[in-house]
Amino acid sequence: MEVAVQVKDLVKVYDGKVRALDGVDLTVKPGKAFALLGPNGAGKTTLIRILTTQLKPTAGEAYIFGLNVAREGSKIRRLISYVPQEMSVWTDISGYDNLLVYAKIFDVPSQEREKIIDEVLENMGLAQVRHNLVRTYSGGMIRRLEVASAMLIKPKIMFLDEPTIGLDPVAKKVVWEKLTLFKKEHGVTIFFNTHYMDEADLYSDDIAIINQGKIATTGTAAELKRSLGGEVISFTLEGSSPKPELSQKIQKFGFVKEVIVDNSNLSVLVDNAEVALPYVMDTLRNEGASAGKVSITKPTLDDVFLKYAGIRLEEKGRISDVTHVRYMIRKG
């Protein structure tokens, strides 16, 4: 069976000492939406840049539809499109002119350019503002224009680095509706990374979690959540972070499957929360820990990420920084 992305024992070392990727193995099926999740510095962007032929791997191999990324870059670049985190359109010209520039870069035949540009502008809901300067667009409109530029050649695979970073929920939904329709109509493979757990949960067919340059786990969102099983009791502890001894004592109970500490948050994975809760609460009291908030839920993708990455995926800080930079670029 044809494979869209095949990665074998991939390693990338920067400056001879920083190991950004440390033996990554990965397979992505064609026509699927594949989400790559990981904390900052886990190797997500490095992997995408290798797969899009922008970087050479230090060791290992990677293939796009059977083509080697290190040796057959020119062939691969005819099959793929890429939307980076950084702004990839010009704000001092119109949306139409941006796509015209990209059409020339992508060698779209001159007799077909007008039709193709009109088509992607219509598909992304930008037809009415096609001749407006991009600096007058909203953040969501700019991201849709960037995605439109990646759709021009109807690639076999689209690489999207944080495709909806900084967008409000409505704008995110619009972008993903357009991407999902494009995938369905043209059989395009979508490889994306994101800091939004709901985005990966809703729009991916398969997920990989990468941490410290290694793939920690893979599966569908449902499979990953089901792999934890049981229920999660979450505590927000008052005062300082819990001592290591606390999690060790809770872990000794036979009904506890996992204990995860994240700053002042304590998550306990159990088979039956109703049975386990009194024992865990007694342990907290005996250890002098006070819980300000307690909740019981089924495992979420965020819980899966916390287990394999050891931290929760932080959205606010970096995303607000990117949003601010994009705003300043747009306003000149």
C-alpha atoms as a PDB file:
ATOM      1  CA  MET A   1       0.000   0.000   0.000  1.00  0.00           C
ATOM      2  CA  GLU A   2       1.211   3.526  -0.831  1.00  0.00           C
ATOM      3  CA  VAL A   3       2.442   5.497   2.177  1.00  0.00           C
ATOM      4  CA  ALA A   4       2.311   9.297   2.319  1.00  0.00           C
ATOM      5  CA  VAL A   5       5.072   9.754   4.913  1.00  0.00           C
ATOM      6  CA  GLN A   6       7.570   7.166   6.098  1.00  0.00           C
ATOM      7  CA  VAL A   7      10.166   8.103   8.699  1.00  0.00           C
ATOM      8  CA  LYS A   8      12.811   5.629   9.870  1.00  0.00           C
ATOM      9  CA  ASP A   9      15.136   6.242  12.835  1.00  0.00           C
ATOM     10  CA  LEU A  10      15.368   9.946  11.971  1.00  0.00           C
ATOM     11  CA  VAL A  11      17.949  12.022  13.864  1.00  0.00           C
ATOM     12  CA  LYS A  12      18.658  15.752  13.715  1.00  0.00           C
ATOM     13  CA  VAL A  13      21.488  17.283  15.723  1.00  0.00           C
ATOM     14  CA  TYR A  14      22.118  21.032  15.746  1.00  0.00           C
ATOM     15  CA  ASP A  15      25.627  22.415  16.318  1.00  0.00           C
ATOM     16  CA  GLY A  16      26.895  18.946  17.097  1.00  0.00           C
ATOM     17  CA  LYS A  17      25.174  18.860  20.498  1.00  0.00           C
ATOM     18  CA  VAL A  18      21.440  19.736  20.450  1.00  0.00           C
ATOM     19  CA  ARG A  19      19.535  16.561  19.557  1.00  0.00           C
ATOM     20  CA  ALA A  20      16.224  17.877  18.211  1.00  0.00           C
ATOM     21  CA  LEU A  21      15.140  14.491  16.809  1.00  0.00           C
ATOM     22  CA  ASP A  22      16.346  11.283  18.405  1.00  0.00           C
ATOM     23  CA  GLY A  23      15.383   8.237  16.342  1.00  0.00           C
ATOM     24  CA  VAL A  24      11.889   9.124  15.113  1.00  0.00           C
ATOM     25  CA  ASP A  25       9.816   6.396  13.432  1.00  0.00           C
ATOM     26  CA  LEU A  26       6.533   7.400  11.834  1.00  0.00           C
ATOM     27  CA  THR A  27       4.073   6.314   9.158  1.00  0.00           C
ATOM     28  CA  VAL A  28       1.290   8.473   7.720  1.00  0.00           C
ATOM     29  CA  LYS A  29      -1.392   6.999   5.473  1.00  0.00           C
ATOM     30  CA  PRO A  30      -2.431   8.856   2.302  1.00  0.00           C
ATOM     31  CA  GLY A  31      -5.611  10.926   2.364  1.00  0.00           C
ATOM     32  CA  LYS A  32      -5.562  11.234   6.161  1.00  0.00           C
ATOM     33  CA  ALA A  33      -5.221  14.185   8.533  1.00  0.00           C
ATOM     34  CA  PHE A  34      -2.261  13.499  10.813  1.00  0.00           C
ATOM     35  CA  ALA A  35      -1.682  15.583  13.966  1.00  0.00           C
ATOM     36  CA  LEU A  36       1.713  15.890  15.633  1.00  0.00           C
ATOM     37  CA  LEU A  37       1.501  17.005  19.269  1.00  0.00           C
ATOM     38  CA  GLY A  38       4.350  17.921  21.561  1.00  0.00           C
ATOM     39  CA  PRO A  39       5.628  20.556  23.992  1.00  0.00           C
ATOM     40  CA  ASN A  40       7.812  23.431  22.826  1.00  0.00           C
ATOM     41  CA  GLY A  41      11.210  22.161  21.759  1.00  0.00           C
ATOM     42  CA  ALA A  42       9.996  18.585  21.252  1.00  0.00           C
ATOM     43  CA  GLY A  43      11.043  18.536  17.588  1.00  0.00           C
ATOM     44  CA  LYS A  44       7.744  19.178  15.781  1.00  0.00           C
ATOM     45  CA  THR A  45       8.875  22.030  13.545  1.00  0.00           C
ATOM     46  CA  THR A  46      12.243  20.375  12.907  1.00  0.00           C
ATOM     47  CA  LEU A  47      10.464  17.250  11.668  1.00  0.00           C
ATOM     48  CA  ILE A  48       8.184  19.259   9.377  1.00  0.00           C
ATOM     49  CA  ARG A  49      11.150  21.196   7.968  1.00  0.00           C
ATOM     50  CA  ILE A  50      12.963  17.957   7.187  1.00  0.00           C
ATOM     51  CA  LEU A  51       9.878  16.471   5.537  1.00  0.00           C
ATOM     52  CA  THR A  52       9.448  19.628   3.442  1.00  0.00           C
ATOM     53  CA  THR A  53      13.134  19.404   2.374  1.00  0.00           C
ATOM     54  CA  GLN A  54      14.187  22.610   4.154  1.00  0.00           C
ATOM     55  CA  LEU A  55      16.596  20.761   6.455  1.00  0.00           C
ATOM     56  CA  LYS A  56      18.811  17.719   5.978  1.00  0.00           C
ATOM     57  CA  PRO A  57      18.605  14.984   8.620  1.00  0.00           C
ATOM     58  CA  THR A  58      21.740  14.060  10.543  1.00  0.00           C
ATOM     59  CA  ALA A  59      20.906  10.358  10.306  1.00  0.00           C
ATOM     60  CA  GLY A  60      18.033   8.076   9.379  1.00  0.00           C
ATOM     61  CA  GLU A  61      15.689   8.332   6.418  1.00  0.00           C
ATOM     62  CA  ALA A  62      12.411   9.988   5.516  1.00  0.00           C
ATOM     63  CA  TYR A  63      10.234   9.502   2.453  1.00  0.00           C
ATOM     64  CA  ILE A  64       7.317  11.393   0.933  1.00  0.00           C
ATOM     65  CA  PHE A  65       5.305   9.069  -1.291  1.00  0.00           C
ATOM     66  CA  GLY A  66       8.402   6.921  -1.682  1.00  0.00           C
ATOM     67  CA  LEU A  67      10.759   9.808  -2.488  1.00  0.00           C
ATOM     68  CA  ASN A  68      13.774  10.324  -0.252  1.00  0.00           C
ATOM     69  CA  VAL A  69      13.740  13.808   1.328  1.00  0.00           C
ATOM     70  CA  ALA A  70      17.536  14.107   1.340  1.00  0.00           C
ATOM     71  CA  ARG A  71      18.124  13.021  -2.252  1.00  0.00           C
ATOM     72  CA  GLU A  72      14.933  13.793  -4.179  1.00  0.00           C
ATOM     73  CA  GLY A  73      13.960  17.202  -2.859  1.00  0.00           C
ATOM     74  CA  SER A  74      13.058  18.740  -6.221  1.00  0.00           C
ATOM     75  CA  LYS A  75      10.574  15.952  -6.959  1.00  0.00           C
ATOM     76  CA  ILE A  76       9.055  16.186  -3.480  1.00  0.00           C
ATOM     77  CA  ARG A  77       8.561  19.944  -3.742  1.00  0.00           C
ATOM     78  CA  ARG A  78       6.260  19.364  -6.727  1.00  0.00           C
ATOM     79  CA  LEU A  79       3.995  17.190  -4.548  1.00  0.00           C
ATOM     80  CA  ILE A  80       3.767  19.206  -1.344  1.00  0.00           C
ATOM     81  CA  SER A  81       2.711  22.575   0.016  1.00  0.00           C
ATOM     82  CA  TYR A  82       3.680  24.144   3.293  1.00  0.00           C
ATOM     83  CA  VAL A  83       2.105  26.744   5.587  1.00  0.00           C
ATOM     84  CA  PRO A  84       4.590  27.846   8.279  1.00  0.00           C
ATOM     85  CA  GLN A  85       3.869  29.490  11.614  1.00  0.00           C
ATOM     86  CA  GLU A  86       5.436  32.696  10.337  1.00  0.00           C
ATOM     87  CA  MET A  87       3.414  34.993   8.108  1.00  0.00           C
ATOM     88  CA  SER A  88       3.842  33.803   4.519  1.00  0.00           C
ATOM     89  CA  VAL A  89       1.906  36.434   2.573  1.00  0.00           C
ATOM     90  CA  TRP A  90       2.665  40.062   1.712  1.00  0.00           C
ATOM     91  CA  THR A  91       0.490  42.603   3.511  1.00  0.00           C
ATOM     92  CA  ASP A  92       1.110  45.548   1.156  1.00  0.00           C
ATOM     93  CA  ILE A  93      -0.552  43.893  -1.847  1.00  0.00           C
ATOM     94  CA  SER A  94      -3.980  42.349  -2.365  1.00  0.00           C
ATOM     95  CA  GLY A  95      -5.041  38.794  -1.672  1.00  0.00           C
ATOM     96  CA  TYR A  96      -5.360  38.173  -5.408  1.00  0.00           C
ATOM     97  CA  ASP A  97      -1.863  39.511  -6.090  1.00  0.00           C
ATOM     98  CA  ASN A  98      -0.452  37.279  -3.367  1.00  0.00           C
ATOM     99  CA  LEU A  99      -1.937  34.222  -5.029  1.00  0.00           C
ATOM    100  CA  LEU A 100      -0.734  35.403  -8.433  1.00  0.00           C
ATOM    101  CA  VAL A 101       2.821  35.566  -7.078  1.00  0.00           C
ATOM    102  CA  TYR A 102       2.502  32.072  -5.634  1.00  0.00           C
ATOM    103  CA  ALA A 103       0.978  30.764  -8.864  1.00  0.00           C
ATOM    104  CA  LYS A 104       4.095  31.969 -10.708  1.00  0.00           C
ATOM    105  CA  ILE A 105       6.398  30.497  -8.052  1.00  0.00           C
ATOM    106  CA  PHE A 106       4.587  27.160  -8.333  1.00  0.00           C
ATOM    107  CA  ASP A 107       4.747  27.274 -12.155  1.00  0.00           C
ATOM    108  CA  VAL A 108       0.976  27.160 -12.560  1.00  0.00           C
ATOM    109  CA  PRO A 109       0.398  27.480 -16.350  1.00  0.00           C
ATOM    110  CA  SER A 110      -0.444  31.095 -17.236  1.00  0.00           C
ATOM    111  CA  GLN A 111      -3.649  30.126 -19.035  1.00  0.00           C
ATOM    112  CA  GLU A 112      -4.923  28.367 -15.867  1.00  0.00           C
ATOM    113  CA  ARG A 113      -3.891  30.898 -13.208  1.00  0.00           C
ATOM    114  CA  GLU A 114      -7.025  33.050 -13.224  1.00  0.00           C
ATOM    115  CA  LYS A 115      -9.360  30.082 -12.924  1.00  0.00           C
ATOM    116  CA  ILE A 116      -7.354  28.395 -10.150  1.00  0.00           C
ATOM    117  CA  ILE A 117      -6.943  31.610  -8.146  1.00  0.00           C
ATOM    118  CA  ASP A 118     -10.676  32.337  -8.429  1.00  0.00           C
ATOM    119  CA  GLU A 119     -11.418  28.799  -7.282  1.00  0.00           C
ATOM    120  CA  VAL A 120      -9.275  28.873  -4.140  1.00  0.00           C
ATOM    121  CA  LEU A 121     -10.442  32.384  -3.215  1.00  0.00           C
ATOM    122  CA  GLU A 122     -14.029  31.204  -3.482  1.00  0.00           C
ATOM    123  CA  ASN A 123     -13.290  28.017  -1.544  1.00  0.00           C
ATOM    124  CA  MET A 124     -11.703  29.966   1.301  1.00  0.00           C
ATOM    125  CA  GLY A 125     -14.442  32.608   1.428  1.00  0.00           C
ATOM    126  CA  LEU A 126     -12.173  35.427   0.242  1.00  0.00           C
ATOM    127  CA  ALA A 127     -13.652  36.213  -3.182  1.00  0.00           C
ATOM    128  CA  GLN A 128     -15.264  39.467  -2.044  1.00  0.00           C
ATOM    129  CA  VAL A 129     -12.003  40.861  -0.617  1.00  0.00           C
ATOM    130  CA  ARG A 130      -9.724  39.577  -3.385  1.00  0.00           C
ATOM    131  CA  HIS A 131      -8.567  43.100  -4.357  1.00  0.00           C
ATOM    132  CA  ASN A 132      -8.268  44.464  -0.797  1.00  0.00           C
ATOM    133  CA  LEU A 133      -4.818  44.967   0.735  1.00  0.00           C
ATOM    134  CA  VAL A 134      -3.945  42.082   3.040  1.00  0.00           C
ATOM    135  CA  ARG A 135      -3.117  44.504   5.854  1.00  0.00           C
ATOM    136  CA  THR A 136      -6.860  45.207   6.061  1.00  0.00           C
ATOM    137  CA  TYR A 137      -7.687  41.510   6.568  1.00  0.00           C
ATOM    138  CA  SER A 138      -8.505  40.001   9.958  1.00  0.00           C
ATOM    139  CA  GLY A 139      -6.178  37.369  11.421  1.00  0.00           C
ATOM    140  CA  GLY A 140      -8.533  34.605  10.322  1.00  0.00           C
ATOM    141  CA  MET A 141      -8.716  35.951   6.766  1.00  0.00           C
ATOM    142  CA  ILE A 142      -4.921  36.113   6.542  1.00  0.00           C
ATOM    143  CA  ARG A 143      -4.593  32.509   7.687  1.00  0.00           C
ATOM    144  CA  ARG A 144      -7.222  31.463   5.122  1.00  0.00           C
ATOM    145  CA  LEU A 145      -5.229  33.289   2.435  1.00  0.00           C
ATOM    146  CA  GLU A 146      -2.079  31.428   3.490  1.00  0.00           C
ATOM    147  CA  VAL A 147      -3.948  28.123   3.312  1.00  0.00           C
ATOM    148  CA  ALA A 148      -5.350  29.177  -0.088  1.00  0.00           C
ATOM    149  CA  SER A 149      -1.813  29.691  -1.379  1.00  0.00           C
ATOM    150  CA  ALA A 150      -1.001  26.125  -0.312  1.00  0.00           C
ATOM    151  CA  MET A 151      -4.050  24.820  -2.194  1.00  0.00           C
ATOM    152  CA  LEU A 152      -3.086  26.336  -5.555  1.00  0.00           C
ATOM    153  CA  ILE A 153      -1.293  23.287  -6.895  1.00  0.00           C
ATOM    154  CA  LYS A 154      -3.681  20.749  -5.329  1.00  0.00           C
ATOM    155  CA  PRO A 155      -0.757  19.048  -3.578  1.00  0.00           C
ATOM    156  CA  LYS A 156      -0.657  15.393  -2.610  1.00  0.00           C
ATOM    157  CA  ILE A 157       0.260  16.440   0.921  1.00  0.00           C
ATOM    158  CA  MET A 158      -0.078  19.687   2.880  1.00  0.00           C
ATOM    159  CA  PHE A 159       2.216  20.463   5.803  1.00  0.00           C
ATOM    160  CA  LEU A 160       0.674  22.930   8.250  1.00  0.00           C
ATOM    161  CA  ASP A 161       2.712  24.281  11.161  1.00  0.00           C
ATOM    162  CA  GLU A 162       0.157  25.531  13.716  1.00  0.00           C
ATOM    163  CA  PRO A 163      -2.507  26.223  11.053  1.00  0.00           C
ATOM    164  CA  THR A 164      -4.883  28.179  13.308  1.00  0.00           C
ATOM    165  CA  ILE A 165      -2.495  29.664  15.852  1.00  0.00           C
ATOM    166  CA  GLY A 166      -3.970  32.672  17.606  1.00  0.00           C
ATOM    167  CA  LEU A 167      -7.350  32.514  15.850  1.00  0.00           C
ATOM    168  CA  ASP A 168     -10.661  32.762  17.680  1.00  0.00           C
ATOM    169  CA  PRO A 169     -12.888  29.632  17.802  1.00  0.00           C
ATOM    170  CA  VAL A 170     -15.087  30.766  14.894  1.00  0.00           C
ATOM    171  CA  ALA A 171     -12.109  31.499  12.641  1.00  0.00           C
ATOM    172  CA  LYS A 172     -10.509  28.160  13.582  1.00  0.00           C
ATOM    173  CA  LYS A 173     -13.695  26.330  12.684  1.00  0.00           C
ATOM    174  CA  VAL A 174     -13.906  28.046   9.287  1.00  0.00           C
ATOM    175  CA  VAL A 175     -10.292  27.185   8.412  1.00  0.00           C
ATOM    176  CA  TRP A 176     -10.789  23.547   9.341  1.00  0.00           C
ATOM    177  CA  GLU A 177     -14.090  23.268   7.471  1.00  0.00           C
ATOM    178  CA  LYS A 178     -12.278  24.439   4.333  1.00  0.00           C
ATOM    179  CA  LEU A 179      -9.334  22.102   4.921  1.00  0.00           C
ATOM    180  CA  THR A 180     -11.596  19.113   5.584  1.00  0.00           C
ATOM    181  CA  LEU A 181     -13.580  19.751   2.418  1.00  0.00           C
ATOM    182  CA  PHE A 182     -10.375  20.149   0.383  1.00  0.00           C
ATOM    183  CA  LYS A 183      -9.035  16.870   1.792  1.00  0.00           C
ATOM    184  CA  LYS A 184     -12.256  15.067   0.945  1.00  0.00           C
ATOM    185  CA  GLU A 185     -12.555  16.447  -2.598  1.00  0.00           C
ATOM    186  CA  HIS A 186      -8.928  15.960  -3.649  1.00  0.00           C
ATOM    187  CA  GLY A 187      -7.708  13.098  -1.453  1.00  0.00           C
ATOM    188  CA  VAL A 188      -5.020  15.321   0.043  1.00  0.00           C
ATOM    189  CA  THR A 189      -2.975  14.174   3.041  1.00  0.00           C
ATOM    190  CA  ILE A 190      -2.761  16.816   5.797  1.00  0.00           C
ATOM    191  CA  PHE A 191       0.189  16.712   8.204  1.00  0.00           C
ATOM    192  CA  PHE A 192      -0.130  19.346  10.930  1.00  0.00           C
ATOM    193  CA  ASN A 193       1.072  20.216  14.379  1.00  0.00           C
ATOM    194  CA  THR A 194      -0.975  22.203  16.853  1.00  0.00           C
ATOM    195  CA  HIS A 195      -1.170  23.486  20.407  1.00  0.00           C
ATOM    196  CA  TYR A 196      -4.954  23.101  20.420  1.00  0.00           C
ATOM    197  CA  MET A 197      -6.040  19.727  21.816  1.00  0.00           C
ATOM    198  CA  ASP A 198      -9.610  20.169  20.583  1.00  0.00           C
ATOM    199  CA  GLU A 199      -8.266  20.710  17.061  1.00  0.00           C
ATOM    200  CA  ALA A 200      -6.357  17.437  17.103  1.00  0.00           C
ATOM    201  CA  ASP A 201      -9.314  15.645  18.671  1.00  0.00           C
ATOM    202  CA  LEU A 202     -11.866  16.924  16.154  1.00  0.00           C
ATOM    203  CA  TYR A 203      -9.973  17.042  12.862  1.00  0.00           C
ATOM    204  CA  SER A 204      -7.243  14.401  12.888  1.00  0.00           C
ATOM    205  CA  ASP A 205      -7.542  10.813  11.724  1.00  0.00           C
ATOM    206  CA  ASP A 206      -4.329   9.826  13.519  1.00  0.00           C
ATOM    207  CA  ILE A 207      -2.149  11.434  16.194  1.00  0.00           C
ATOM    208  CA  ALA A 208       1.464  11.121  17.312  1.00  0.00           C
ATOM    209  CA  ILE A 209       2.837  12.636  20.501  1.00  0.00           C
ATOM    210  CA  ILE A 210       6.494  13.624  20.312  1.00  0.00           C
ATOM    211  CA  ASN A 211       8.566  14.439  23.373  1.00  0.00           C
ATOM    212  CA  GLN A 212      12.305  15.172  23.637  1.00  0.00           C
ATOM    213  CA  GLY A 213      12.797  14.214  20.006  1.00  0.00           C
ATOM    214  CA  LYS A 214      11.128  10.800  20.291  1.00  0.00           C
ATOM    215  CA  ILE A 215       7.663   9.551  19.358  1.00  0.00           C
ATOM    216  CA  ALA A 216       6.018   8.653  22.671  1.00  0.00           C
ATOM    217  CA  THR A 217       2.801   7.134  21.309  1.00  0.00           C
ATOM    218  CA  THR A 218       0.539   7.040  18.252  1.00  0.00           C
ATOM    219  CA  GLY A 219      -3.095   6.230  17.513  1.00  0.00           C
ATOM    220  CA  THR A 220      -6.455   7.798  16.846  1.00  0.00           C
ATOM    221  CA  ALA A 221      -7.812  10.260  19.409  1.00  0.00           C
ATOM    222  CA  ALA A 222     -10.330   7.640  20.569  1.00  0.00           C
ATOM    223  CA  GLU A 223      -7.658   4.937  20.877  1.00  0.00           C
ATOM    224  CA  LEU A 224      -5.325   7.173  22.855  1.00  0.00           C
ATOM    225  CA  LYS A 225      -8.056   8.228  25.286  1.00  0.00           C
ATOM    226  CA  ARG A 226      -9.262   4.642  25.624  1.00  0.00           C
ATOM    227  CA  SER A 227      -5.705   3.471  26.339  1.00  0.00           C
ATOM    228  CA  LEU A 228      -5.792   5.311  29.663  1.00  0.00           C
ATOM    229  CA  GLY A 229      -9.085   3.676  30.648  1.00  0.00           C
ATOM    230  CA  GLY A 230     -11.044   4.332  33.840  1.00  0.00           C
ATOM    231  CA  GLU A 231     -11.626   7.823  35.210  1.00  0.00           C
ATOM    232  CA  VAL A 232      -9.432  10.783  36.122  1.00  0.00           C
ATOM    233  CA  ILE A 233      -9.690  12.497  39.510  1.00  0.00           C
ATOM    234  CA  SER A 234      -8.128  15.945  39.197  1.00  0.00           C
ATOM    235  CA  PHE A 235      -7.097  18.014  42.211  1.00  0.00           C
ATOM    236  CA  THR A 236      -6.025  21.637  42.277  1.00  0.00           C
ATOM    237  CA  LEU A 237      -3.858  21.834  45.371  1.00  0.00           C
ATOM    238  CA  GLU A 238      -3.541  24.959  47.453  1.00  0.00           C
ATOM    239  CA  GLY A 239      -0.127  26.276  48.383  1.00  0.00           C
ATOM    240  CA  SER A 240       3.121  24.888  46.996  1.00  0.00           C
ATOM    241  CA  SER A 241       3.524  22.017  44.562  1.00  0.00           C
ATOM    242  CA  PRO A 242       3.003  18.568  46.105  1.00  0.00           C
ATOM    243  CA  LYS A 243       6.009  16.681  47.420  1.00  0.00           C
ATOM    244  CA  PRO A 244       7.205  13.614  45.479  1.00  0.00           C
ATOM    245  CA  GLU A 245       6.290  11.415  48.475  1.00  0.00           C
ATOM    246  CA  LEU A 246       2.613  12.297  47.999  1.00  0.00           C
ATOM    247  CA  SER A 247       2.315  10.801  44.538  1.00  0.00           C
ATOM    248  CA  GLN A 248       4.306   7.762  45.658  1.00  0.00           C
ATOM    249  CA  LYS A 249       1.899   7.076  48.536  1.00  0.00           C
ATOM    250  CA  ILE A 250      -1.155   7.482  46.301  1.00  0.00           C
ATOM    251  CA  GLN A 251       0.417   5.198  43.693  1.00  0.00           C
ATOM    252  CA  LYS A 252       0.623   2.377  46.285  1.00  0.00           C
ATOM    253  CA  PHE A 253      -3.144   1.883  46.236  1.00  0.00           C
ATOM    254  CA  GLY A 254      -3.955  -1.101  44.034  1.00  0.00           C
ATOM    255  CA  PHE A 255      -6.804   0.712  42.279  1.00  0.00           C
ATOM    256  CA  VAL A 256      -4.557   3.608  41.143  1.00  0.00           C
ATOM    257  CA  LYS A 257      -3.293   3.219  37.593  1.00  0.00           C
ATOM    258  CA  GLU A 258      -1.268   6.413  37.324  1.00  0.00           C
ATOM    259  CA  VAL A 259      -0.457   9.594  39.246  1.00  0.00           C
ATOM    260  CA  ILE A 260       0.605  12.695  37.322  1.00  0.00           C
ATOM    261  CA  VAL A 261       1.802  15.913  38.970  1.00  0.00           C
ATOM    262  CA  ASP A 262       1.841  19.181  37.025  1.00  0.00           C
ATOM    263  CA  ASN A 263       2.779  22.135  39.271  1.00  0.00           C
ATOM    264  CA  SER A 264      -0.132  22.449  41.728  1.00  0.00           C
ATOM    265  CA  ASN A 265      -2.358  20.071  39.758  1.00  0.00           C
ATOM    266  CA  LEU A 266      -2.602  16.403  40.683  1.00  0.00           C
ATOM    267  CA  SER A 267      -4.270  13.889  38.365  1.00  0.00           C
ATOM    268  CA  VAL A 268      -5.038  10.352  39.551  1.00  0.00           C
ATOM    269  CA  LEU A 269      -6.115   7.751  37.009  1.00  0.00           C
ATOM    270  CA  VAL A 270      -8.303   5.050  38.576  1.00  0.00           C
ATOM    271  CA  ASP A 271     -10.755   2.372  37.522  1.00  0.00           C
ATOM    272  CA  ASN A 272     -13.595   3.680  39.714  1.00  0.00           C
ATOM    273  CA  ALA A 273     -13.464   7.257  40.997  1.00  0.00           C
ATOM    274  CA  GLU A 274     -16.289   6.791  43.511  1.00  0.00           C
ATOM    275  CA  VAL A 275     -14.369   4.021  45.287  1.00  0.00           C
ATOM    276  CA  ALA A 276     -10.969   5.686  45.046  1.00  0.00           C
ATOM    277  CA  LEU A 277     -11.816   9.265  46.026  1.00  0.00           C
ATOM    278  CA  PRO A 278     -12.119   8.784  49.842  1.00  0.00           C
ATOM    279  CA  TYR A 279      -8.740   6.990  50.016  1.00  0.00           C
ATOM    280  CA  VAL A 280      -6.989   9.651  47.960  1.00  0.00           C
ATOM    281  CA  MET A 281      -8.564  12.468  50.004  1.00  0.00           C
ATOM    282  CA  ASP A 282      -7.416  10.803  53.253  1.00  0.00           C
ATOM    283  CA  THR A 283      -3.880  10.571  51.874  1.00  0.00           C
ATOM    284  CA  LEU A 284      -3.912  14.265  50.941  1.00  0.00           C
ATOM    285  CA  ARG A 285      -5.042  15.239  54.449  1.00  0.00           C
ATOM    286  CA  ASN A 286      -2.465  12.985  56.108  1.00  0.00           C
ATOM    287  CA  GLU A 287       0.279  14.582  54.012  1.00  0.00           C
ATOM    288  CA  GLY A 288      -0.887  18.104  54.778  1.00  0.00           C
ATOM    289  CA  ALA A 289      -2.061  18.830  51.238  1.00  0.00           C
ATOM    290  CA  SER A 290      -5.266  20.807  50.765  1.00  0.00           C
ATOM    291  CA  ALA A 291      -7.385  20.446  47.626  1.00  0.00           C
ATOM    292  CA  GLY A 292      -9.151  23.632  46.554  1.00  0.00           C
ATOM    293  CA  LYS A 293     -10.911  21.992  43.628  1.00  0.00           C
ATOM    294  CA  VAL A 294     -11.745  18.395  42.755  1.00  0.00           C
ATOM    295  CA  SER A 295     -13.210  17.083  39.499  1.00  0.00           C
ATOM    296  CA  ILE A 296     -13.889  13.658  37.993  1.00  0.00           C
ATOM    297  CA  THR A 297     -13.808  13.121  34.234  1.00  0.00           C
ATOM    298  CA  LYS A 298     -13.240  10.485  31.613  1.00  0.00           C
ATOM    299  CA  PRO A 299      -9.711  10.635  30.138  1.00  0.00           C
ATOM    300  CA  THR A 300      -9.251  13.410  27.586  1.00  0.00           C
ATOM    301  CA  LEU A 301      -6.601  13.938  24.950  1.00  0.00           C
ATOM    302  CA  ASP A 302      -5.076  16.464  27.342  1.00  0.00           C
ATOM    303  CA  ASP A 303      -4.715  13.672  29.931  1.00  0.00           C
ATOM    304  CA  VAL A 304      -3.046  11.480  27.307  1.00  0.00           C
ATOM    305  CA  PHE A 305      -0.626  14.291  26.491  1.00  0.00           C
ATOM    306  CA  LEU A 306       0.093  14.867  30.172  1.00  0.00           C
ATOM    307  CA  LYS A 307       0.938  11.181  30.630  1.00  0.00           C
ATOM    308  CA  TYR A 308       3.349  10.947  27.699  1.00  0.00           C
ATOM    309  CA  ALA A 309       4.851  14.452  27.750  1.00  0.00           C
ATOM    310  CA  GLY A 310       4.811  14.973  31.519  1.00  0.00           C
ATOM    311  CA  ILE A 311       3.269  18.447  31.227  1.00  0.00           C
ATOM    312  CA  ARG A 312       0.097  20.036  29.963  1.00  0.00           C
ATOM    313  CA  LEU A 313       0.272  21.716  26.583  1.00  0.00           C
ATOM    314  CA  GLU A 314       0.514  25.442  27.237  1.00  0.00           C
ATOM    315  CA  GLU A 315      -1.354  27.587  24.727  1.00  0.00           C
ATOM    316  CA  LYS A 316      -1.505  31.117  26.033  1.00  0.00           C
ATOM    317  CA  GLY A 317       2.014  32.540  26.196  1.00  0.00           C
ATOM    318  CA  ARG A 318       3.538  31.556  22.883  1.00  0.00           C
ATOM    319  CA  ILE A 319       0.289  31.868  20.944  1.00  0.00           C
ATOM    320  CA  SER A 320      -0.273  35.423  22.180  1.00  0.00           C
ATOM    321  CA  ASP A 321       3.296  36.276  21.148  1.00  0.00           C
ATOM    322  CA  VAL A 322       2.734  34.929  17.623  1.00  0.00           C
ATOM    323  CA  THR A 323      -0.600  36.737  17.363  1.00  0.00           C
ATOM    324  CA  HIS A 324       1.013  40.036  18.405  1.00  0.00           C
ATOM    325  CA  VAL A 325       3.862  39.672  15.905  1.00  0.00           C
ATOM    326  CA  ARG A 326       1.412  38.887  13.098  1.00  0.00           C
ATOM    327  CA  TYR A 327      -0.692  41.913  14.084  1.00  0.00           C
ATOM    328  CA  MET A 328       2.335  44.219  14.005  1.00  0.00           C
ATOM    329  CA  ILE A 329       3.411  42.863  10.591  1.00  0.00           C
ATOM    330  CA  ARG A 330      -0.090  43.376   9.207  1.00  0.00           C
ATOM    331  CA  LYS A 331      -0.226  46.954  10.450  1.00  0.00           C
ATOM    332  CA  GLY A 332       3.283  47.691   9.135  1.00  0.00           C
END
